[in-house]
Amino acid sequence: MTVEVKISGIVSTQRYGTLETGDILRTDAEYARFLVESCQAGEYVKTPANDENKQEEQQVTDPKRARKSKGIQQ
């Protein structure tokens, strides 16, 4: 899954080079979490695609929700 992070400062990364304030980086969830939580170098960008992916993951990982949604569809 691809996640977008809006950079808030100047960040030098080995993977992407130098990122500057306002840059939007599209990267994997693990690296995005590293930049946002560990480095405090940006914030997540909320997009409709990210919200849909989160809902799909939640349905797949939560068997109770998956059963309920199957019951509603029948």
Protein backbone atom coordinates (compact mmCIF):
# COMPACT_ATOMS: atom_id res chain seq x y z
CA MET A 1 0.00 0.00 0.00
CA THR A 2 1.24 3.47 -0.89
CA VAL A 3 0.95 6.26 1.66
CA GLU A 4 1.38 10.00 1.12
CA VAL A 5 3.36 12.15 3.55
CA LYS A 6 3.57 15.94 3.41
CA ILE A 7 7.08 16.94 4.46
CA SER A 8 7.42 19.72 7.04
CA GLY A 9 11.04 20.80 6.96
CA ILE A 10 14.20 19.77 5.17
CA VAL A 11 14.87 16.06 5.41
CA SER A 12 17.80 14.17 3.96
CA THR A 13 17.02 10.53 3.24
CA GLN A 14 19.13 7.79 1.79
CA ARG A 15 16.19 6.41 -0.17
CA TYR A 16 14.74 9.62 -1.67
CA GLY A 17 17.49 12.22 -1.30
CA THR A 18 16.67 15.64 0.09
CA LEU A 19 13.01 16.48 0.70
CA GLU A 20 11.82 20.01 1.44
CA THR A 21 8.85 21.64 3.16
CA GLY A 22 5.65 21.03 1.24
CA ASP A 23 6.93 18.04 -0.74
CA ILE A 24 4.44 15.17 -0.99
CA LEU A 25 6.19 11.82 -0.77
CA ARG A 26 4.46 8.64 -1.89
CA THR A 27 6.06 5.68 -0.16
CA ASP A 28 5.31 2.42 1.61
CA ALA A 29 3.48 2.48 4.95
CA GLU A 30 6.49 1.41 7.02
CA TYR A 31 8.76 4.18 5.70
CA ALA A 32 5.95 6.74 6.02
CA ARG A 33 5.48 5.76 9.67
CA PHE A 34 9.23 6.15 10.22
CA LEU A 35 9.22 9.68 8.75
CA VAL A 36 6.09 10.82 10.59
CA GLU A 37 6.50 9.17 13.99
CA SER A 38 10.24 8.65 14.51
CA CYS A 39 11.66 11.62 12.61
CA GLN A 40 8.67 13.95 13.03
CA ALA A 41 9.46 15.12 9.50
CA GLY A 42 5.92 15.37 8.16
CA GLU A 43 2.29 14.40 8.44
CA TYR A 44 0.05 11.94 6.66
CA VAL A 45 -1.97 13.26 3.74
CA LYS A 46 -5.55 12.03 3.85
CA THR A 47 -6.75 10.94 0.45
CA PRO A 48 -9.87 9.03 -0.58
CA ALA A 49 -7.67 6.19 -1.86
CA ASN A 50 -5.93 5.82 1.52
CA ASP A 51 -9.28 5.81 3.35
CA GLU A 52 -10.64 3.08 1.04
CA ASN A 53 -7.50 0.96 1.50
CA LYS A 54 -7.78 1.31 5.28
CA GLN A 55 -11.42 0.16 5.19
CA GLU A 56 -10.56 -2.83 2.98
CA GLU A 57 -7.70 -3.85 5.30
CA GLN A 58 -9.96 -3.55 8.33
CA GLN A 59 -12.57 -5.80 6.73
CA VAL A 60 -9.97 -8.41 5.83
CA THR A 61 -8.21 -8.40 9.22
CA ASP A 62 -11.37 -8.29 11.35
CA PRO A 63 -13.25 -11.59 10.86
CA LYS A 64 -16.30 -10.35 12.82
CA ARG A 65 -16.75 -7.44 10.43
CA ALA A 66 -16.23 -9.71 7.43
CA ARG A 67 -18.96 -12.09 8.68
CA LYS A 68 -21.37 -9.24 9.31
CA SER A 69 -20.85 -7.73 5.88
CA LYS A 70 -21.34 -11.13 4.24
CA GLY A 71 -24.61 -11.56 6.15
CA ILE A 72 -25.88 -8.17 4.98
CA GLN A 73 -25.11 -8.90 1.35
CA GLN A 74 -27.07 -12.17 1.31
